[in-house]
Amino acid sequence: MKKNLDCMDQTELQSVTVDPDQPDAYRVYASRKLLAVRARLEGQIPLAMVMEGECDRIYESMPRDLRW
């Protein structure tokens, strides 16, 4: 099932990262997205931008049927 990980809050992202039933790509994306969100909240904008770039690369490498 497709999930739009960009619309999830921190709690939802965390749950994806530890759910073994989620595709690996979702778990990795969710972990980077969670780091990006936390970095922005802490004012660490350069780190957030790096993690968001990682998210973009992960998304682009996902099979099309997993993309949202």
Protein backbone atom coordinates (compact mmCIF):
# COMPACT_ATOMS: atom_id res chain seq x y z
CA MET A 1 0.00 0.00 0.00
CA LYS A 2 1.32 3.44 -0.92
CA LYS A 3 1.92 5.90 1.88
CA ASN A 4 2.77 9.57 1.56
CA LEU A 5 5.57 9.78 4.09
CA ASP A 6 5.93 13.52 3.50
CA CYS A 7 2.55 14.09 5.16
CA MET A 8 3.39 12.17 8.35
CA ASP A 9 4.22 13.68 11.71
CA GLN A 10 7.18 12.58 13.82
CA THR A 11 5.24 9.86 15.62
CA GLU A 12 4.00 8.34 12.38
CA LEU A 13 7.46 8.49 10.80
CA GLN A 14 8.96 6.79 13.84
CA SER A 15 6.43 3.99 13.61
CA VAL A 16 7.33 3.39 9.95
CA THR A 17 11.04 3.15 10.79
CA VAL A 18 10.49 0.22 13.17
CA ASP A 19 7.73 -1.62 11.31
CA PRO A 20 9.22 -4.75 9.73
CA ASP A 21 6.17 -5.04 7.47
CA GLN A 22 7.07 -1.79 5.70
CA PRO A 23 9.24 -1.91 2.57
CA ASP A 24 12.91 -1.15 3.26
CA ALA A 25 12.69 1.98 1.11
CA TYR A 26 9.90 3.34 3.32
CA ARG A 27 11.80 2.62 6.52
CA VAL A 28 14.97 4.29 5.26
CA TYR A 29 13.06 7.26 3.85
CA ALA A 30 11.12 7.68 7.10
CA SER A 31 14.30 7.65 9.18
CA ARG A 32 15.92 10.37 7.03
CA LYS A 33 12.71 12.41 6.96
CA LEU A 34 12.47 12.15 10.74
CA LEU A 35 16.05 13.38 11.11
CA ALA A 36 15.27 16.27 8.75
CA VAL A 37 12.17 17.31 10.69
CA ARG A 38 14.01 17.17 14.01
CA ALA A 39 16.98 19.08 12.61
CA ARG A 40 14.70 21.87 11.36
CA LEU A 41 12.97 22.09 14.73
CA GLU A 42 16.39 22.42 16.39
CA GLY A 43 17.50 25.11 13.94
CA GLN A 44 20.02 22.84 12.23
CA ILE A 45 18.98 23.88 8.74
CA PRO A 46 22.09 22.66 6.87
CA LEU A 47 21.68 19.18 8.35
CA ALA A 48 17.97 19.22 7.54
CA MET A 49 18.75 20.11 3.94
CA VAL A 50 21.22 17.24 3.66
CA MET A 51 18.64 14.78 5.02
CA GLU A 52 15.98 16.17 2.67
CA GLY A 53 18.37 15.63 -0.22
CA GLU A 54 18.80 12.04 0.94
CA CYS A 55 15.01 11.69 0.97
CA ASP A 56 14.86 12.93 -2.62
CA ARG A 57 17.47 10.39 -3.72
CA ILE A 58 15.72 7.56 -1.88
CA TYR A 59 12.37 8.52 -3.40
CA GLU A 60 13.82 8.60 -6.91
CA SER A 61 15.29 5.13 -6.42
CA MET A 62 12.01 3.62 -5.18
CA PRO A 63 10.05 1.36 -7.48
CA ARG A 64 7.24 3.34 -9.07
CA ASP A 65 4.57 1.29 -7.31
CA LEU A 66 5.84 2.55 -3.93
CA ARG A 67 6.01 6.22 -4.85
CA TRP A 68 3.27 8.60 -3.78
